[in-house]
Amino acid sequence: MTSPAWPLAVPEPKPGCATCAHLCQLRRQAQATGDGSATSDANVRLRRHFAEDHSDT
């Protein structure tokens, strides 16, 4: 098993997905307030959402 390249790419939302849009909004809010931990959390949640709900795309 290979390890991911660091730093990981910033996940992009899937067009038309309300969950992706919501998680990206949370990320933007965290970035706007300088909250790096919340930004990272939003990215992790977006990656997990992609793996669970968009893995076929």
PDB file of N, CA and C in Angstrom:
ATOM      1  N   MET A   1       0.848  -1.177   0.000  1.00  0.00           N
ATOM      2  CA  MET A   1       0.000   0.000   0.000  1.00  0.00           C
ATOM      3  C   MET A   1       0.893   1.240   0.000  1.00  0.00           C
ATOM      4  N   THR A   2       0.552   2.178  -0.857  1.00  0.00           N
ATOM      5  CA  THR A   2       1.337   3.408  -0.919  1.00  0.00           C
ATOM      6  C   THR A   2       0.691   4.471  -0.044  1.00  0.00           C
ATOM      7  N   SER A   3       1.509   5.322   0.504  1.00  0.00           N
ATOM      8  CA  SER A   3       0.974   6.403   1.318  1.00  0.00           C
ATOM      9  C   SER A   3       0.660   7.596   0.422  1.00  0.00           C
ATOM     10  N   PRO A   4      -0.309   8.411   0.831  1.00  0.00           N
ATOM     11  CA  PRO A   4      -0.685   9.560   0.002  1.00  0.00           C
ATOM     12  C   PRO A   4       0.415  10.601  -0.046  1.00  0.00           C
ATOM     13  N   ALA A   5       0.423  11.356  -1.112  1.00  0.00           N
ATOM     14  CA  ALA A   5       1.383  12.458  -1.243  1.00  0.00           C
ATOM     15  C   ALA A   5       0.977  13.575  -0.298  1.00  0.00           C
ATOM     16  N   TRP A   6       1.954  14.215   0.306  1.00  0.00           N
ATOM     17  CA  TRP A   6       1.684  15.316   1.238  1.00  0.00           C
ATOM     18  C   TRP A   6       2.200  16.607   0.661  1.00  0.00           C
ATOM     19  N   PRO A   7       1.547  17.682   0.787  1.00  0.00           N
ATOM     20  CA  PRO A   7       0.215  17.775   1.378  1.00  0.00           C
ATOM     21  C   PRO A   7      -0.846  17.269   0.415  1.00  0.00           C
ATOM     22  N   LEU A   8      -1.947  16.794   0.973  1.00  0.00           N
ATOM     23  CA  LEU A   8      -3.045  16.302   0.146  1.00  0.00           C
ATOM     24  C   LEU A   8      -3.664  17.470  -0.621  1.00  0.00           C
ATOM     25  N   ALA A   9      -4.143  17.165  -1.806  1.00  0.00           N
ATOM     26  CA  ALA A   9      -4.834  18.188  -2.602  1.00  0.00           C
ATOM     27  C   ALA A   9      -6.119  18.599  -1.887  1.00  0.00           C
ATOM     28  N   VAL A  10      -6.496  19.853  -2.046  1.00  0.00           N
ATOM     29  CA  VAL A  10      -7.741  20.342  -1.460  1.00  0.00           C
ATOM     30  C   VAL A  10      -8.895  19.716  -2.233  1.00  0.00           C
ATOM     31  N   PRO A  11      -9.801  19.016  -1.526  1.00  0.00           N
ATOM     32  CA  PRO A  11     -10.912  18.375  -2.239  1.00  0.00           C
ATOM     33  C   PRO A  11     -11.883  19.406  -2.799  1.00  0.00           C
ATOM     34  N   GLU A  12     -12.358  19.133  -3.994  1.00  0.00           N
ATOM     35  CA  GLU A  12     -13.319  20.014  -4.657  1.00  0.00           C
ATOM     36  C   GLU A  12     -14.703  19.381  -4.596  1.00  0.00           C
ATOM     37  N   PRO A  13     -15.755  20.191  -4.485  1.00  0.00           N
ATOM     38  CA  PRO A  13     -17.113  19.649  -4.399  1.00  0.00           C
ATOM     39  C   PRO A  13     -17.587  19.080  -5.721  1.00  0.00           C
ATOM     40  N   LYS A  14     -18.484  18.114  -5.620  1.00  0.00           N
ATOM     41  CA  LYS A  14     -19.132  17.580  -6.815  1.00  0.00           C
ATOM     42  C   LYS A  14     -20.301  18.517  -7.135  1.00  0.00           C
ATOM     43  N   PRO A  15     -20.351  19.026  -8.355  1.00  0.00           N
ATOM     44  CA  PRO A  15     -21.431  19.954  -8.719  1.00  0.00           C
ATOM     45  C   PRO A  15     -22.813  19.343  -8.463  1.00  0.00           C
ATOM     46  N   GLY A  16     -23.687  20.137  -7.871  1.00  0.00           N
ATOM     47  CA  GLY A  16     -25.056  19.711  -7.634  1.00  0.00           C
ATOM     48  C   GLY A  16     -25.280  18.934  -6.348  1.00  0.00           C
ATOM     49  N   CYS A  17     -24.228  18.664  -5.576  1.00  0.00           N
ATOM     50  CA  CYS A  17     -24.370  17.902  -4.336  1.00  0.00           C
ATOM     51  C   CYS A  17     -24.495  18.863  -3.161  1.00  0.00           C
ATOM     52  N   ALA A  18     -25.620  18.806  -2.475  1.00  0.00           N
ATOM     53  CA  ALA A  18     -25.870  19.704  -1.348  1.00  0.00           C
ATOM     54  C   ALA A  18     -24.901  19.457  -0.202  1.00  0.00           C
ATOM     55  N   THR A  19     -24.541  18.210   0.040  1.00  0.00           N
ATOM     56  CA  THR A  19     -23.605  17.900   1.124  1.00  0.00           C
ATOM     57  C   THR A  19     -22.234  18.474   0.817  1.00  0.00           C
ATOM     58  N   CYS A  20     -21.768  18.302  -0.402  1.00  0.00           N
ATOM     59  CA  CYS A  20     -20.478  18.877  -0.801  1.00  0.00           C
ATOM     60  C   CYS A  20     -20.507  20.396  -0.620  1.00  0.00           C
ATOM     61  N   ALA A  21     -21.589  21.020  -1.056  1.00  0.00           N
ATOM     62  CA  ALA A  21     -21.705  22.477  -0.954  1.00  0.00           C
ATOM     63  C   ALA A  21     -21.666  22.916   0.505  1.00  0.00           C
ATOM     64  N   HIS A  22     -22.358  22.186   1.369  1.00  0.00           N
ATOM     65  CA  HIS A  22     -22.382  22.527   2.788  1.00  0.00           C
ATOM     66  C   HIS A  22     -20.984  22.398   3.405  1.00  0.00           C
ATOM     67  N   LEU A  23     -20.293  21.306   3.103  1.00  0.00           N
ATOM     68  CA  LEU A  23     -18.958  21.105   3.659  1.00  0.00           C
ATOM     69  C   LEU A  23     -17.974  22.146   3.136  1.00  0.00           C
ATOM     70  N   CYS A  24     -18.121  22.548   1.904  1.00  0.00           N
ATOM     71  CA  CYS A  24     -17.252  23.598   1.357  1.00  0.00           C
ATOM     72  C   CYS A  24     -17.554  24.944   2.001  1.00  0.00           C
ATOM     73  N   GLN A  25     -18.811  25.194   2.326  1.00  0.00           N
ATOM     74  CA  GLN A  25     -19.169  26.423   3.037  1.00  0.00           C
ATOM     75  C   GLN A  25     -18.533  26.436   4.420  1.00  0.00           C
ATOM     76  N   LEU A  26     -18.579  25.303   5.119  1.00  0.00           N
ATOM     77  CA  LEU A  26     -17.929  25.214   6.426  1.00  0.00           C
ATOM     78  C   LEU A  26     -16.431  25.478   6.300  1.00  0.00           C
ATOM     79  N   ARG A  27     -15.824  24.934   5.249  1.00  0.00           N
ATOM     80  CA  ARG A  27     -14.386  25.144   5.026  1.00  0.00           C
ATOM     81  C   ARG A  27     -14.097  26.622   4.771  1.00  0.00           C
ATOM     82  N   ARG A  28     -14.913  27.275   3.937  1.00  0.00           N
ATOM     83  CA  ARG A  28     -14.706  28.700   3.654  1.00  0.00           C
ATOM     84  C   ARG A  28     -14.829  29.541   4.924  1.00  0.00           C
ATOM     85  N   GLN A  29     -15.816  29.219   5.759  1.00  0.00           N
ATOM     86  CA  GLN A  29     -15.985  29.958   7.008  1.00  0.00           C
ATOM     87  C   GLN A  29     -14.765  29.766   7.914  1.00  0.00           C
ATOM     88  N   ALA A  30     -14.268  28.545   7.995  1.00  0.00           N
ATOM     89  CA  ALA A  30     -13.099  28.270   8.829  1.00  0.00           C
ATOM     90  C   ALA A  30     -11.874  29.015   8.298  1.00  0.00           C
ATOM     91  N   GLN A  31     -11.709  29.017   6.986  1.00  0.00           N
ATOM     92  CA  GLN A  31     -10.576  29.726   6.391  1.00  0.00           C
ATOM     93  C   GLN A  31     -10.682  31.225   6.655  1.00  0.00           C
ATOM     94  N   ALA A  32     -11.891  31.751   6.576  1.00  0.00           N
ATOM     95  CA  ALA A  32     -12.095  33.188   6.760  1.00  0.00           C
ATOM     96  C   ALA A  32     -11.763  33.643   8.173  1.00  0.00           C
ATOM     97  N   THR A  33     -11.915  32.740   9.135  1.00  0.00           N
ATOM     98  CA  THR A  33     -11.614  33.092  10.517  1.00  0.00           C
ATOM     99  C   THR A  33     -10.221  32.624  10.943  1.00  0.00           C
ATOM    100  N   GLY A  34      -9.491  32.016  10.013  1.00  0.00           N
ATOM    101  CA  GLY A  34      -8.137  31.567  10.317  1.00  0.00           C
ATOM    102  C   GLY A  34      -8.083  30.316  11.172  1.00  0.00           C
ATOM    103  N   ASP A  35      -9.160  29.549  11.175  1.00  0.00           N
ATOM    104  CA  ASP A  35      -9.224  28.330  11.983  1.00  0.00           C
ATOM    105  C   ASP A  35      -8.714  27.142  11.169  1.00  0.00           C
ATOM    106  N   GLY A  36      -7.417  26.882  11.259  1.00  0.00           N
ATOM    107  CA  GLY A  36      -6.800  25.810  10.486  1.00  0.00           C
ATOM    108  C   GLY A  36      -7.312  24.434  10.854  1.00  0.00           C
ATOM    109  N   SER A  37      -7.638  24.230  12.122  1.00  0.00           N
ATOM    110  CA  SER A  37      -8.156  22.934  12.558  1.00  0.00           C
ATOM    111  C   SER A  37      -9.519  22.651  11.932  1.00  0.00           C
ATOM    112  N   ALA A  38     -10.406  23.638  11.955  1.00  0.00           N
ATOM    113  CA  ALA A  38     -11.733  23.466  11.361  1.00  0.00           C
ATOM    114  C   ALA A  38     -11.637  23.330   9.844  1.00  0.00           C
ATOM    115  N   THR A  39     -10.674  24.019   9.227  1.00  0.00           N
ATOM    116  CA  THR A  39     -10.454  23.871   7.786  1.00  0.00           C
ATOM    117  C   THR A  39     -10.058  22.443   7.470  1.00  0.00           C
ATOM    118  N   SER A  40      -9.132  21.916   8.234  1.00  0.00           N
ATOM    119  CA  SER A  40      -8.692  20.533   8.044  1.00  0.00           C
ATOM    120  C   SER A  40      -9.838  19.557   8.286  1.00  0.00           C
ATOM    121  N   ASP A  41     -10.623  19.801   9.333  1.00  0.00           N
ATOM    122  CA  ASP A  41     -11.776  18.938   9.620  1.00  0.00           C
ATOM    123  C   ASP A  41     -12.750  18.911   8.451  1.00  0.00           C
ATOM    124  N   ALA A  42     -13.020  20.074   7.864  1.00  0.00           N
ATOM    125  CA  ALA A  42     -13.945  20.144   6.728  1.00  0.00           C
ATOM    126  C   ALA A  42     -13.391  19.375   5.535  1.00  0.00           C
ATOM    127  N   ASN A  43     -12.091  19.467   5.309  1.00  0.00           N
ATOM    128  CA  ASN A  43     -11.477  18.723   4.213  1.00  0.00           C
ATOM    129  C   ASN A  43     -11.581  17.218   4.447  1.00  0.00           C
ATOM    130  N   VAL A  44     -11.346  16.787   5.677  1.00  0.00           N
ATOM    131  CA  VAL A  44     -11.465  15.359   6.002  1.00  0.00           C
ATOM    132  C   VAL A  44     -12.897  14.897   5.794  1.00  0.00           C
ATOM    133  N   ARG A  45     -13.852  15.693   6.275  1.00  0.00           N
ATOM    134  CA  ARG A  45     -15.260  15.319   6.102  1.00  0.00           C
ATOM    135  C   ARG A  45     -15.645  15.273   4.625  1.00  0.00           C
ATOM    136  N   LEU A  46     -15.111  16.194   3.822  1.00  0.00           N
ATOM    137  CA  LEU A  46     -15.408  16.194   2.390  1.00  0.00           C
ATOM    138  C   LEU A  46     -14.807  14.965   1.713  1.00  0.00           C
ATOM    139  N   ARG A  47     -13.577  14.621   2.065  1.00  0.00           N
ATOM    140  CA  ARG A  47     -12.963  13.411   1.490  1.00  0.00           C
ATOM    141  C   ARG A  47     -13.748  12.154   1.880  1.00  0.00           C
ATOM    142  N   ARG A  48     -14.167  12.092   3.138  1.00  0.00           N
ATOM    143  CA  ARG A  48     -14.935  10.930   3.606  1.00  0.00           C
ATOM    144  C   ARG A  48     -16.278  10.864   2.880  1.00  0.00           C
ATOM    145  N   HIS A  49     -16.937  12.010   2.728  1.00  0.00           N
ATOM    146  CA  HIS A  49     -18.206  12.063   2.007  1.00  0.00           C
ATOM    147  C   HIS A  49     -18.008  11.568   0.573  1.00  0.00           C
ATOM    148  N   PHE A  50     -16.936  12.021  -0.075  1.00  0.00           N
ATOM    149  CA  PHE A  50     -16.663  11.589  -1.443  1.00  0.00           C
ATOM    150  C   PHE A  50     -16.499  10.074  -1.504  1.00  0.00           C
ATOM    151  N   ALA A  51     -15.741   9.522  -0.586  1.00  0.00           N
ATOM    152  CA  ALA A  51     -15.488   8.079  -0.579  1.00  0.00           C
ATOM    153  C   ALA A  51     -16.778   7.286  -0.366  1.00  0.00           C
ATOM    154  N   GLU A  52     -17.659   7.818   0.454  1.00  0.00           N
ATOM    155  CA  GLU A  52     -18.899   7.110   0.775  1.00  0.00           C
ATOM    156  C   GLU A  52     -20.000   7.317  -0.271  1.00  0.00           C
ATOM    157  N   ASP A  53     -20.111   8.527  -0.817  1.00  0.00           N
ATOM    158  CA  ASP A  53     -21.259   8.850  -1.669  1.00  0.00           C
ATOM    159  C   ASP A  53     -20.933   9.099  -3.132  1.00  0.00           C
ATOM    160  N   HIS A  54     -19.673   9.327  -3.452  1.00  0.00           N
ATOM    161  CA  HIS A  54     -19.316   9.609  -4.842  1.00  0.00           C
ATOM    162  C   HIS A  54     -18.210   8.688  -5.349  1.00  0.00           C
ATOM    163  N   SER A  55     -18.026   7.546  -4.738  1.00  0.00           N
ATOM    164  CA  SER A  55     -16.907   6.672  -5.108  1.00  0.00           C
ATOM    165  C   SER A  55     -17.034   6.115  -6.514  1.00  0.00           C
ATOM    166  N   ASP A  56     -18.241   6.144  -7.079  1.00  0.00           N
ATOM    167  CA  ASP A  56     -18.448   5.613  -8.431  1.00  0.00           C
ATOM    168  C   ASP A  56     -18.142   6.650  -9.508  1.00  0.00           C
ATOM    169  N   THR A  57     -17.773   7.880  -9.092  1.00  0.00           N
ATOM    170  CA  THR A  57     -17.512   8.918 -10.090  1.00  0.00           C
ATOM    171  C   THR A  57     -16.064   9.287 -10.115  1.00  0.00           C
TER     172      THR A  57
END
